[in-house]
Amino acid sequence: MKGCIIQEHINGFQKGLRQTTFFYHDIDVADTRFDVNKDVVDGQLVNEAESSPEEEVEKEAAVEEKDAKAVVEGDDNKAA
Protein backbone atom coordinates (compact mmCIF):
# COMPACT_ATOMS: atom_id res chain seq x y z
CA MET A 1 0.00 0.00 0.00
CA LYS A 2 2.78 2.44 0.94
CA GLY A 3 4.49 1.81 -2.40
CA CYS A 4 1.26 2.64 -4.26
CA ILE A 5 0.91 5.94 -2.40
CA ILE A 6 4.50 6.89 -3.15
CA GLN A 7 4.00 6.01 -6.82
CA GLU A 8 0.90 8.21 -6.97
CA HIS A 9 2.92 11.14 -5.61
CA ILE A 10 5.63 10.53 -8.19
CA ASN A 11 3.00 10.32 -10.94
CA GLY A 12 1.50 13.61 -9.78
CA PHE A 13 4.91 15.28 -9.83
CA GLN A 14 5.58 13.99 -13.34
CA LYS A 15 2.18 15.27 -14.43
CA GLY A 16 3.08 18.71 -13.07
CA LEU A 17 6.33 18.65 -15.03
CA ARG A 18 4.45 17.77 -18.22
CA GLN A 19 2.06 20.67 -17.64
CA THR A 20 5.01 23.00 -17.04
CA THR A 21 6.46 21.96 -20.38
CA PHE A 22 3.10 22.53 -22.05
CA PHE A 23 2.58 26.04 -20.64
CA TYR A 24 6.21 27.20 -20.52
CA HIS A 25 7.98 25.94 -23.63
CA ASP A 26 11.36 27.42 -22.70
CA ILE A 27 11.66 25.36 -19.47
CA ASP A 28 13.62 22.10 -19.54
CA VAL A 29 11.87 19.74 -17.13
CA ALA A 30 14.68 17.22 -17.52
CA ASP A 31 16.84 19.66 -15.54
CA THR A 32 18.25 17.95 -12.45
CA ARG A 33 17.21 20.93 -10.31
CA PHE A 34 13.59 19.69 -10.37
CA ASP A 35 13.31 17.70 -7.16
CA VAL A 36 10.12 16.30 -5.66
CA ASN A 37 11.71 16.65 -2.21
CA LYS A 38 12.05 20.43 -2.51
CA ASP A 39 9.57 23.25 -2.20
CA VAL A 40 9.58 27.01 -2.63
CA VAL A 41 9.46 28.82 0.71
CA ASP A 42 9.79 32.59 0.94
CA GLY A 43 11.02 32.71 -2.65
CA GLN A 44 13.77 30.13 -2.08
CA LEU A 45 14.02 26.48 -3.07
CA VAL A 46 14.53 24.40 0.09
CA ASN A 47 14.44 20.75 1.08
CA GLU A 48 11.11 19.86 2.67
CA ALA A 49 13.01 18.28 5.55
CA GLU A 50 14.48 21.71 6.35
CA SER A 51 11.08 23.38 6.47
CA SER A 52 8.25 22.24 8.70
CA PRO A 53 4.68 23.57 8.80
CA GLU A 54 5.18 24.59 12.43
CA GLU A 55 8.19 26.73 11.52
CA GLU A 56 6.21 28.39 8.74
CA VAL A 57 3.36 29.26 11.11
CA GLU A 58 5.85 30.76 13.58
CA LYS A 59 7.51 32.81 10.82
CA GLU A 60 4.15 34.11 9.57
CA ALA A 61 3.06 35.05 13.09
CA ALA A 62 6.32 36.95 13.66
CA VAL A 63 5.90 38.85 10.38
CA GLU A 64 2.28 39.71 11.19
CA GLU A 65 3.26 40.91 14.66
CA LYS A 66 6.03 43.07 13.20
CA ASP A 67 3.63 44.51 10.60
CA ALA A 68 1.04 45.25 13.28
CA LYS A 69 3.63 47.09 15.39
CA ALA A 70 4.69 49.14 12.37
CA VAL A 71 1.08 50.15 11.68
CA VAL A 72 0.50 51.16 15.30
CA GLU A 73 3.74 53.14 15.42
CA GLY A 74 2.91 54.73 12.06
CA ASP A 75 -0.51 55.83 13.38
CA ASP A 76 1.14 57.59 16.34
CA ASN A 77 3.34 59.60 14.00
CA LYS A 78 0.36 60.73 11.91
CA ALA A 79 -1.54 61.95 14.95
CA ALA A 80 1.30 64.25 16.04
C-alpha atoms as a PDB file:
ATOM      1  CA  MET A   1       0.000   0.000   0.000  1.00  0.00           C
ATOM      2  CA  LYS A   2       2.777   2.441   0.940  1.00  0.00           C
ATOM      3  CA  GLY A   3       4.488   1.809  -2.402  1.00  0.00           C
ATOM      4  CA  CYS A   4       1.265   2.638  -4.263  1.00  0.00           C
ATOM      5  CA  ILE A   5       0.912   5.945  -2.398  1.00  0.00           C
ATOM      6  CA  ILE A   6       4.496   6.891  -3.150  1.00  0.00           C
ATOM      7  CA  GLN A   7       4.000   6.006  -6.815  1.00  0.00           C
ATOM      8  CA  GLU A   8       0.895   8.211  -6.967  1.00  0.00           C
ATOM      9  CA  HIS A   9       2.923  11.138  -5.608  1.00  0.00           C
ATOM     10  CA  ILE A  10       5.633  10.526  -8.194  1.00  0.00           C
ATOM     11  CA  ASN A  11       3.002  10.318 -10.941  1.00  0.00           C
ATOM     12  CA  GLY A  12       1.504  13.608  -9.784  1.00  0.00           C
ATOM     13  CA  PHE A  13       4.905  15.277  -9.826  1.00  0.00           C
ATOM     14  CA  GLN A  14       5.585  13.992 -13.343  1.00  0.00           C
ATOM     15  CA  LYS A  15       2.175  15.268 -14.432  1.00  0.00           C
ATOM     16  CA  GLY A  16       3.081  18.713 -13.071  1.00  0.00           C
ATOM     17  CA  LEU A  17       6.334  18.648 -15.028  1.00  0.00           C
ATOM     18  CA  ARG A  18       4.452  17.765 -18.219  1.00  0.00           C
ATOM     19  CA  GLN A  19       2.059  20.672 -17.636  1.00  0.00           C
ATOM     20  CA  THR A  20       5.008  23.000 -17.038  1.00  0.00           C
ATOM     21  CA  THR A  21       6.463  21.959 -20.382  1.00  0.00           C
ATOM     22  CA  PHE A  22       3.104  22.528 -22.053  1.00  0.00           C
ATOM     23  CA  PHE A  23       2.583  26.038 -20.644  1.00  0.00           C
ATOM     24  CA  TYR A  24       6.211  27.204 -20.520  1.00  0.00           C
ATOM     25  CA  HIS A  25       7.983  25.940 -23.630  1.00  0.00           C
ATOM     26  CA  ASP A  26      11.364  27.416 -22.695  1.00  0.00           C
ATOM     27  CA  ILE A  27      11.662  25.359 -19.465  1.00  0.00           C
ATOM     28  CA  ASP A  28      13.624  22.101 -19.544  1.00  0.00           C
ATOM     29  CA  VAL A  29      11.867  19.737 -17.128  1.00  0.00           C
ATOM     30  CA  ALA A  30      14.684  17.217 -17.517  1.00  0.00           C
ATOM     31  CA  ASP A  31      16.844  19.657 -15.539  1.00  0.00           C
ATOM     32  CA  THR A  32      18.247  17.952 -12.448  1.00  0.00           C
ATOM     33  CA  ARG A  33      17.212  20.931 -10.312  1.00  0.00           C
ATOM     34  CA  PHE A  34      13.592  19.687 -10.374  1.00  0.00           C
ATOM     35  CA  ASP A  35      13.310  17.697  -7.163  1.00  0.00           C
ATOM     36  CA  VAL A  36      10.121  16.297  -5.659  1.00  0.00           C
ATOM     37  CA  ASN A  37      11.706  16.646  -2.207  1.00  0.00           C
ATOM     38  CA  LYS A  38      12.054  20.425  -2.514  1.00  0.00           C
ATOM     39  CA  ASP A  39       9.573  23.248  -2.198  1.00  0.00           C
ATOM     40  CA  VAL A  40       9.580  27.012  -2.630  1.00  0.00           C
ATOM     41  CA  VAL A  41       9.462  28.817   0.712  1.00  0.00           C
ATOM     42  CA  ASP A  42       9.787  32.592   0.939  1.00  0.00           C
ATOM     43  CA  GLY A  43      11.023  32.706  -2.649  1.00  0.00           C
ATOM     44  CA  GLN A  44      13.770  30.132  -2.078  1.00  0.00           C
ATOM     45  CA  LEU A  45      14.020  26.475  -3.074  1.00  0.00           C
ATOM     46  CA  VAL A  46      14.526  24.403   0.088  1.00  0.00           C
ATOM     47  CA  ASN A  47      14.440  20.750   1.076  1.00  0.00           C
ATOM     48  CA  GLU A  48      11.111  19.864   2.668  1.00  0.00           C
ATOM     49  CA  ALA A  49      13.011  18.276   5.552  1.00  0.00           C
ATOM     50  CA  GLU A  50      14.485  21.709   6.350  1.00  0.00           C
ATOM     51  CA  SER A  51      11.079  23.379   6.470  1.00  0.00           C
ATOM     52  CA  SER A  52       8.253  22.235   8.704  1.00  0.00           C
ATOM     53  CA  PRO A  53       4.684  23.573   8.804  1.00  0.00           C
ATOM     54  CA  GLU A  54       5.178  24.586  12.434  1.00  0.00           C
ATOM     55  CA  GLU A  55       8.187  26.732  11.517  1.00  0.00           C
ATOM     56  CA  GLU A  56       6.208  28.392   8.740  1.00  0.00           C
ATOM     57  CA  VAL A  57       3.357  29.257  11.115  1.00  0.00           C
ATOM     58  CA  GLU A  58       5.850  30.755  13.580  1.00  0.00           C
ATOM     59  CA  LYS A  59       7.505  32.812  10.822  1.00  0.00           C
ATOM     60  CA  GLU A  60       4.150  34.109   9.571  1.00  0.00           C
ATOM     61  CA  ALA A  61       3.065  35.045  13.093  1.00  0.00           C
ATOM     62  CA  ALA A  62       6.316  36.951  13.664  1.00  0.00           C
ATOM     63  CA  VAL A  63       5.898  38.851  10.383  1.00  0.00           C
ATOM     64  CA  GLU A  64       2.278  39.705  11.192  1.00  0.00           C
ATOM     65  CA  GLU A  65       3.260  40.911  14.664  1.00  0.00           C
ATOM     66  CA  LYS A  66       6.031  43.070  13.201  1.00  0.00           C
ATOM     67  CA  ASP A  67       3.634  44.512  10.604  1.00  0.00           C
ATOM     68  CA  ALA A  68       1.036  45.246  13.284  1.00  0.00           C
ATOM     69  CA  LYS A  69       3.632  47.093  15.386  1.00  0.00           C
ATOM     70  CA  ALA A  70       4.692  49.136  12.367  1.00  0.00           C
ATOM     71  CA  VAL A  71       1.083  50.147  11.684  1.00  0.00           C
ATOM     72  CA  VAL A  72       0.498  51.164  15.299  1.00  0.00           C
ATOM     73  CA  GLU A  73       3.737  53.141  15.418  1.00  0.00           C
ATOM     74  CA  GLY A  74       2.909  54.727  12.064  1.00  0.00           C
ATOM     75  CA  ASP A  75      -0.508  55.828  13.380  1.00  0.00           C
ATOM     76  CA  ASP A  76       1.136  57.588  16.341  1.00  0.00           C
ATOM     77  CA  ASN A  77       3.339  59.602  13.999  1.00  0.00           C
ATOM     78  CA  LYS A  78       0.362  60.729  11.911  1.00  0.00           C
ATOM     79  CA  ALA A  79      -1.543  61.954  14.954  1.00  0.00           C
ATOM     80  CA  ALA A  80       1.299  64.248  16.036  1.00  0.00           C
END
